[in-house]
Amino acid sequence: MRNPSPARRGTHDLYDEAAVRDVVRRATEGDAGAAESLVRHVQDDVHNLAVRMLWCPDDAADATQEILLKVVTRLAAFRGESAFRTWVYRIAVNHLLDVRRSRVEREGLTFARFGASLAEGLTEPAAGWESDPEQRVLVEEVKIGCTTGMLLCLDRAHRVAYVLGDVFELTGEEAGEVLGVTPAAFRQRLARARARLRAFMAAHCGLVSESAACRCERRVRAAVDGGRVRPERLLFAHGAADAAPHSRRQLPVREQVGEQVLEMDRLHRMAGVFRSHPRYRAPERVLQQVRRVLTSGRFSVLE
């Protein structure tokens, strides 16, 4: 699979909820072009959620395709009682909570095991690594892969709560609606997820804690030697090269995160680390497969 590349927010956004409902109506009447427009409207949001839930971009792409097909075949069930994107998130979350475990999830990561691995093999980078584009990309790959791996130490229910609340910044009411729980229940779940991540990152992650020994640049050699990072086939950071000009992708990791979380407390600093991940486009093959279904003559909306 091609490496994911950062999405430019708004490329296919319809924005106006009334306009979205009109497109939904046309899609439910059998307009395949309208259905494809809706897919383009939400595909990157779905893919970004899937990457954070499953870690592996290949697994995330497969899940994104399955979710989008569910969306287009269930459009008749959309009544407009919530925002369309909220309705899509509900379908996506239900799918991602039930989908088979990804290849990284099957490793059974725990905070204890992860913390022990981060303490091993730390080496100082070569002097001047910040000015070496190849090294900076490797450091970015380590940062994204490692912090996404931290999310996998949470069970899926707490993982999705953290992603919706602190990464996607949904309100308690919105996230509760997506998850089918009360806002109070969602906030409790989010608080537990925050506490677990905060304790781990305060002890182990130099992006959040100055006293932590681990730094992304110190992890590069161990990650490459251990096969976690393959310079010839980067999973996350490779796509950062074509980010929008205003993106912070060009900054060294610590500058990038530090700029985003300046003068914030540790909780906000932690959220800033995860929000600094690139926003990815759904792979083109996902849209192509959905388009094949829409134009095959087999497209129908389930009542």
Protein backbone atom coordinates (compact mmCIF):
# COMPACT_ATOMS: atom_id res chain seq x y z
CA MET A 1 0.00 0.00 0.00
CA ARG A 2 1.17 3.52 -0.69
CA ASN A 3 2.20 5.39 2.40
CA PRO A 4 -0.60 7.60 3.70
CA SER A 5 -0.20 11.27 2.92
CA PRO A 6 -1.49 14.22 4.90
CA ALA A 7 -4.98 15.36 3.97
CA ARG A 8 -5.69 18.98 3.22
CA ARG A 9 -8.71 19.67 5.35
CA GLY A 10 -11.68 20.88 3.38
CA THR A 11 -10.73 19.55 -0.07
CA HIS A 12 -14.06 17.80 -0.43
CA ASP A 13 -15.96 19.30 2.50
CA LEU A 14 -19.59 20.23 1.91
CA TYR A 15 -19.65 22.18 5.18
CA ASP A 16 -23.33 23.21 5.07
CA GLU A 17 -25.38 20.54 6.83
CA ALA A 18 -28.42 21.41 4.72
CA ALA A 19 -26.36 20.77 1.60
CA VAL A 20 -25.22 17.45 3.03
CA ARG A 21 -28.82 16.39 3.63
CA ASP A 22 -29.70 17.26 0.05
CA VAL A 23 -26.83 15.10 -1.21
CA VAL A 24 -27.97 12.28 1.09
CA ARG A 25 -31.47 12.53 -0.38
CA ARG A 26 -30.13 12.26 -3.93
CA ALA A 27 -27.92 9.32 -2.96
CA THR A 28 -30.83 7.46 -1.40
CA GLU A 29 -32.70 7.94 -4.67
CA GLY A 30 -29.93 6.05 -6.44
CA ASP A 31 -27.59 8.85 -7.53
CA ALA A 32 -24.16 7.17 -7.42
CA GLY A 33 -22.40 10.50 -7.98
CA ALA A 34 -24.06 11.94 -4.88
CA ALA A 35 -23.03 8.88 -2.89
CA GLU A 36 -19.44 9.28 -4.03
CA SER A 37 -19.53 12.94 -3.01
CA LEU A 38 -20.57 11.89 0.50
CA VAL A 39 -17.73 9.37 0.61
CA ARG A 40 -15.25 12.08 -0.31
CA HIS A 41 -16.77 14.28 2.38
CA VAL A 42 -15.95 11.86 5.20
CA GLN A 43 -13.30 9.43 3.95
CA ASP A 44 -10.32 11.21 5.49
CA ASP A 45 -12.01 11.54 8.89
CA VAL A 46 -12.79 7.83 8.86
CA HIS A 47 -9.26 6.93 7.79
CA ASN A 48 -7.62 9.09 10.44
CA LEU A 49 -9.77 7.47 13.11
CA ALA A 50 -8.89 4.00 11.79
CA VAL A 51 -5.13 4.70 11.78
CA ARG A 52 -5.23 5.77 15.42
CA MET A 53 -7.32 2.76 16.41
CA LEU A 54 -5.40 0.09 14.46
CA TRP A 55 -1.89 1.59 14.02
CA CYS A 56 -1.08 -0.24 10.79
CA PRO A 57 -1.95 1.85 7.69
CA ASP A 58 -2.80 -1.27 5.65
CA ASP A 59 -5.27 -2.47 8.28
CA ALA A 60 -6.66 1.07 8.60
CA ALA A 61 -7.20 1.31 4.82
CA ASP A 62 -9.10 -2.00 4.79
CA ALA A 63 -11.27 -0.87 7.70
CA THR A 64 -11.89 2.52 6.05
CA GLN A 65 -13.14 0.82 2.90
CA GLU A 66 -15.48 -1.44 4.86
CA ILE A 67 -16.83 1.49 6.89
CA LEU A 68 -17.48 3.65 3.82
CA LEU A 69 -19.38 0.82 2.13
CA LYS A 70 -21.52 0.54 5.26
CA VAL A 71 -22.13 4.28 5.14
CA VAL A 72 -23.33 4.35 1.53
CA THR A 73 -25.58 1.31 1.92
CA ARG A 74 -27.18 2.63 5.12
CA LEU A 75 -27.92 6.16 3.98
CA ALA A 76 -31.66 5.57 4.25
CA ALA A 77 -31.16 5.26 8.01
CA PHE A 78 -29.81 8.81 8.26
CA ARG A 79 -32.67 10.96 9.55
CA GLY A 80 -30.80 14.20 10.06
CA GLU A 81 -31.29 14.11 13.83
CA SER A 82 -27.53 14.57 14.26
CA ALA A 83 -24.82 15.98 12.04
CA PHE A 84 -23.95 13.69 9.14
CA ARG A 85 -20.33 13.42 10.25
CA THR A 86 -21.48 12.40 13.74
CA TRP A 87 -23.65 9.69 12.20
CA VAL A 88 -20.68 8.45 10.15
CA TYR A 89 -18.44 8.43 13.22
CA ARG A 90 -21.02 6.22 14.97
CA ILE A 91 -20.84 3.68 12.14
CA ALA A 92 -17.04 3.89 12.09
CA VAL A 93 -16.66 3.45 15.85
CA ASN A 94 -19.03 0.48 15.97
CA HIS A 95 -17.04 -1.15 13.18
CA LEU A 96 -13.65 -0.42 14.74
CA LEU A 97 -14.70 -1.72 18.15
CA ASP A 98 -15.74 -5.03 16.60
CA VAL A 99 -13.21 -5.52 13.77
CA ARG A 100 -10.60 -8.23 14.19
CA ARG A 101 -7.47 -7.11 15.97
CA SER A 102 -4.82 -5.47 13.81
CA ARG A 103 -1.39 -7.02 13.47
CA VAL A 104 0.06 -4.66 16.07
CA GLU A 105 -2.84 -5.18 18.47
CA ARG A 106 -2.14 -8.90 18.34
CA GLU A 107 1.20 -8.21 20.01
CA GLY A 108 -0.72 -7.45 23.20
CA LEU A 109 0.99 -4.17 24.04
CA THR A 110 0.77 -3.02 27.64
CA PHE A 111 2.12 0.13 29.24
CA ALA A 112 4.51 -1.96 31.36
CA ARG A 113 5.98 -3.81 28.37
CA PHE A 114 6.09 -0.68 26.25
CA GLY A 115 7.85 1.29 28.98
CA ALA A 116 10.47 -1.41 29.39
CA SER A 117 11.18 -1.44 25.66
CA LEU A 118 11.58 2.34 25.54
CA ALA A 119 14.29 2.17 28.20
CA GLU A 120 16.43 -0.15 26.07
CA GLY A 121 18.78 0.78 23.26
CA LEU A 122 18.75 4.56 23.66
CA THR A 123 21.66 6.12 21.79
CA GLU A 124 22.64 9.72 21.22
CA PRO A 125 22.12 10.88 17.62
CA ALA A 126 24.95 12.26 15.55
CA ALA A 127 25.70 15.91 16.12
CA GLY A 128 23.70 18.18 13.85
CA TRP A 129 20.98 15.62 13.13
CA GLU A 130 18.39 18.42 13.13
CA SER A 131 19.80 19.74 9.84
CA ASP A 132 19.81 16.31 8.17
CA PRO A 133 16.47 15.85 6.32
CA GLU A 134 16.75 12.05 6.28
CA GLN A 135 17.37 11.88 10.02
CA ARG A 136 14.54 14.28 10.74
CA VAL A 137 12.12 12.11 8.78
CA LEU A 138 13.29 9.04 10.71
CA VAL A 139 12.80 10.88 14.00
CA GLU A 140 9.31 11.85 12.88
CA GLU A 141 8.56 8.25 11.94
CA VAL A 142 9.64 7.13 15.40
CA LYS A 143 7.55 9.82 17.08
CA ILE A 144 4.35 9.01 15.22
CA GLY A 145 4.76 5.25 15.40
CA CYS A 146 5.69 5.30 19.08
CA THR A 147 2.94 7.63 20.26
CA THR A 148 0.33 5.81 18.18
CA GLY A 149 1.60 2.63 19.81
CA MET A 150 0.90 4.19 23.20
CA LEU A 151 -2.76 4.42 22.24
CA LEU A 152 -2.76 0.66 21.60
CA CYS A 153 -1.85 0.10 25.25
CA LEU A 154 -5.38 1.29 26.03
CA ASP A 155 -8.28 -1.07 25.45
CA ARG A 156 -10.39 -0.12 22.46
CA ALA A 157 -13.16 1.57 24.46
CA HIS A 158 -10.75 3.93 26.21
CA ARG A 159 -8.66 4.37 23.06
CA VAL A 160 -11.60 5.60 21.01
CA ALA A 161 -12.73 7.85 23.86
CA TYR A 162 -9.31 9.50 23.96
CA VAL A 163 -9.12 9.91 20.19
CA LEU A 164 -12.60 11.43 19.94
CA GLY A 165 -12.17 13.70 22.95
CA ASP A 166 -8.56 14.87 22.96
CA VAL A 167 -7.39 14.30 19.38
CA PHE A 168 -10.52 15.04 17.34
CA GLU A 169 -11.77 17.42 20.08
CA LEU A 170 -15.42 16.38 20.01
CA THR A 171 -17.54 17.77 22.83
CA GLY A 172 -18.85 15.45 25.51
CA GLU A 173 -22.29 15.64 23.94
CA GLU A 174 -20.99 14.83 20.45
CA ALA A 175 -18.74 11.99 21.59
CA GLY A 176 -21.45 10.58 23.84
CA GLU A 177 -23.80 10.51 20.87
CA VAL A 178 -21.20 8.74 18.75
CA LEU A 179 -20.55 6.13 21.44
CA GLY A 180 -24.16 5.74 22.53
CA VAL A 181 -23.44 6.79 26.12
CA THR A 182 -24.30 9.82 28.21
CA PRO A 183 -21.92 12.78 28.11
CA ALA A 184 -21.10 12.11 31.76
CA ALA A 185 -20.20 8.49 31.02
CA PHE A 186 -18.02 9.59 28.12
CA ARG A 187 -16.19 12.15 30.25
CA GLN A 188 -15.47 9.50 32.88
CA ARG A 189 -14.07 7.17 30.22
CA LEU A 190 -11.98 9.98 28.75
CA ALA A 191 -10.65 10.89 32.20
CA ARG A 192 -9.49 7.29 32.78
CA ALA A 193 -7.78 7.19 29.38
CA ARG A 194 -6.07 10.51 30.03
CA ALA A 195 -4.85 9.38 33.44
CA ARG A 196 -3.30 6.18 32.06
CA LEU A 197 -1.58 7.96 29.18
CA ARG A 198 -0.46 10.83 31.37
CA ALA A 199 1.16 8.51 33.92
CA PHE A 200 2.98 6.61 31.20
CA MET A 201 4.18 9.64 29.27
CA ALA A 202 5.28 11.47 32.41
CA ALA A 203 7.52 8.52 33.23
CA HIS A 204 8.79 7.62 29.76
CA CYS A 205 8.19 10.25 27.08
CA GLY A 206 10.56 13.16 26.62
CA LEU A 207 8.02 15.01 24.50
CA VAL A 208 5.95 15.54 27.66
CA SER A 209 8.41 15.16 30.53
CA GLU A 210 11.83 16.79 30.65
CA SER A 211 12.96 14.17 33.17
CA ALA A 212 12.12 11.20 30.93
CA ALA A 213 15.15 9.57 29.32
CA CYS A 214 13.48 8.60 26.06
CA ARG A 215 13.71 11.04 23.17
CA CYS A 216 12.56 10.29 19.64
CA GLU A 217 16.01 11.04 18.23
CA ARG A 218 17.56 8.61 20.73
CA ARG A 219 15.21 5.82 19.63
CA VAL A 220 15.98 5.91 15.90
CA ARG A 221 18.89 3.46 15.84
CA ALA A 222 17.10 0.89 18.02
CA ALA A 223 13.92 1.23 15.97
CA VAL A 224 15.78 0.69 12.69
CA ASP A 225 17.91 -2.16 14.05
CA GLY A 226 14.82 -3.85 15.49
CA GLY A 227 12.84 -3.51 12.26
CA ARG A 228 10.23 -1.20 13.77
CA VAL A 229 11.28 1.52 11.34
CA ARG A 230 12.25 0.67 7.78
CA PRO A 231 13.86 3.68 6.08
CA GLU A 232 13.01 2.28 2.64
CA ARG A 233 9.31 1.92 3.50
CA LEU A 234 8.15 4.46 6.04
CA LEU A 235 4.59 4.01 7.27
CA PHE A 236 3.84 7.46 8.67
CA ALA A 237 6.40 10.19 8.09
CA HIS A 238 7.03 9.65 4.38
CA GLY A 239 3.79 11.38 3.43
CA ALA A 240 4.71 14.42 5.48
CA ALA A 241 6.89 15.63 2.62
CA ASP A 242 3.90 16.90 0.61
CA ALA A 243 2.11 18.59 3.48
CA ALA A 244 0.55 21.99 2.91
CA PRO A 245 3.08 24.87 2.97
CA HIS A 246 1.75 26.23 6.26
CA SER A 247 2.21 22.85 7.98
CA ARG A 248 4.58 22.45 10.91
CA ARG A 249 5.97 19.26 9.39
CA GLN A 250 9.29 20.98 8.58
CA LEU A 251 10.08 21.70 12.23
CA PRO A 252 12.19 19.33 14.34
CA VAL A 253 10.02 17.18 16.57
CA ARG A 254 10.66 18.97 19.84
CA GLU A 255 10.23 22.40 18.25
CA GLN A 256 7.02 21.32 16.58
CA VAL A 257 5.44 19.96 19.72
CA GLY A 258 6.85 22.69 21.92
CA GLU A 259 5.34 25.38 19.72
CA GLN A 260 1.94 23.76 19.86
CA VAL A 261 1.86 23.24 23.61
CA LEU A 262 3.78 26.26 24.89
CA GLU A 263 2.73 27.23 28.43
CA MET A 264 0.16 24.42 28.62
CA ASP A 265 0.01 22.03 31.54
CA ARG A 266 1.06 18.40 31.17
CA LEU A 267 -2.42 17.23 30.22
CA HIS A 268 -2.62 19.67 27.34
CA ARG A 269 0.99 18.96 26.42
CA MET A 270 0.10 15.29 26.09
CA ALA A 271 -2.89 16.03 23.87
CA GLY A 272 -0.68 18.33 21.78
CA VAL A 273 1.65 15.43 21.01
CA PHE A 274 -1.18 13.39 19.51
CA ARG A 275 -2.73 16.34 17.67
CA SER A 276 0.65 17.05 16.07
CA HIS A 277 0.37 13.84 14.04
CA PRO A 278 -0.28 14.53 10.35
CA ARG A 279 -3.79 14.35 9.00
CA TYR A 280 -3.84 11.60 6.38
CA ARG A 281 -5.71 11.23 3.13
CA ALA A 282 -7.54 7.97 2.71
CA PRO A 283 -5.62 5.90 0.13
CA GLU A 284 -6.88 6.29 -3.42
CA ARG A 285 -7.54 2.57 -3.66
CA VAL A 286 -10.25 2.93 -1.00
CA LEU A 287 -12.23 5.42 -3.07
CA GLN A 288 -11.66 3.37 -6.23
CA GLN A 289 -13.14 0.27 -4.61
CA VAL A 290 -16.16 2.17 -3.29
CA ARG A 291 -16.60 3.76 -6.72
CA ARG A 292 -16.59 0.32 -8.34
CA VAL A 293 -19.47 -0.70 -6.12
CA LEU A 294 -21.37 2.52 -6.80
CA THR A 295 -21.06 2.16 -10.58
CA SER A 296 -21.47 -1.62 -10.78
CA GLY A 297 -25.26 -1.57 -10.93
CA ARG A 298 -25.31 -3.34 -7.56
CA PHE A 299 -25.45 -0.13 -5.52
CA SER A 300 -28.55 0.11 -3.39
CA VAL A 301 -29.43 1.82 -0.16
CA LEU A 302 -30.80 -0.44 2.53
CA GLU A 303 -34.07 0.58 4.15
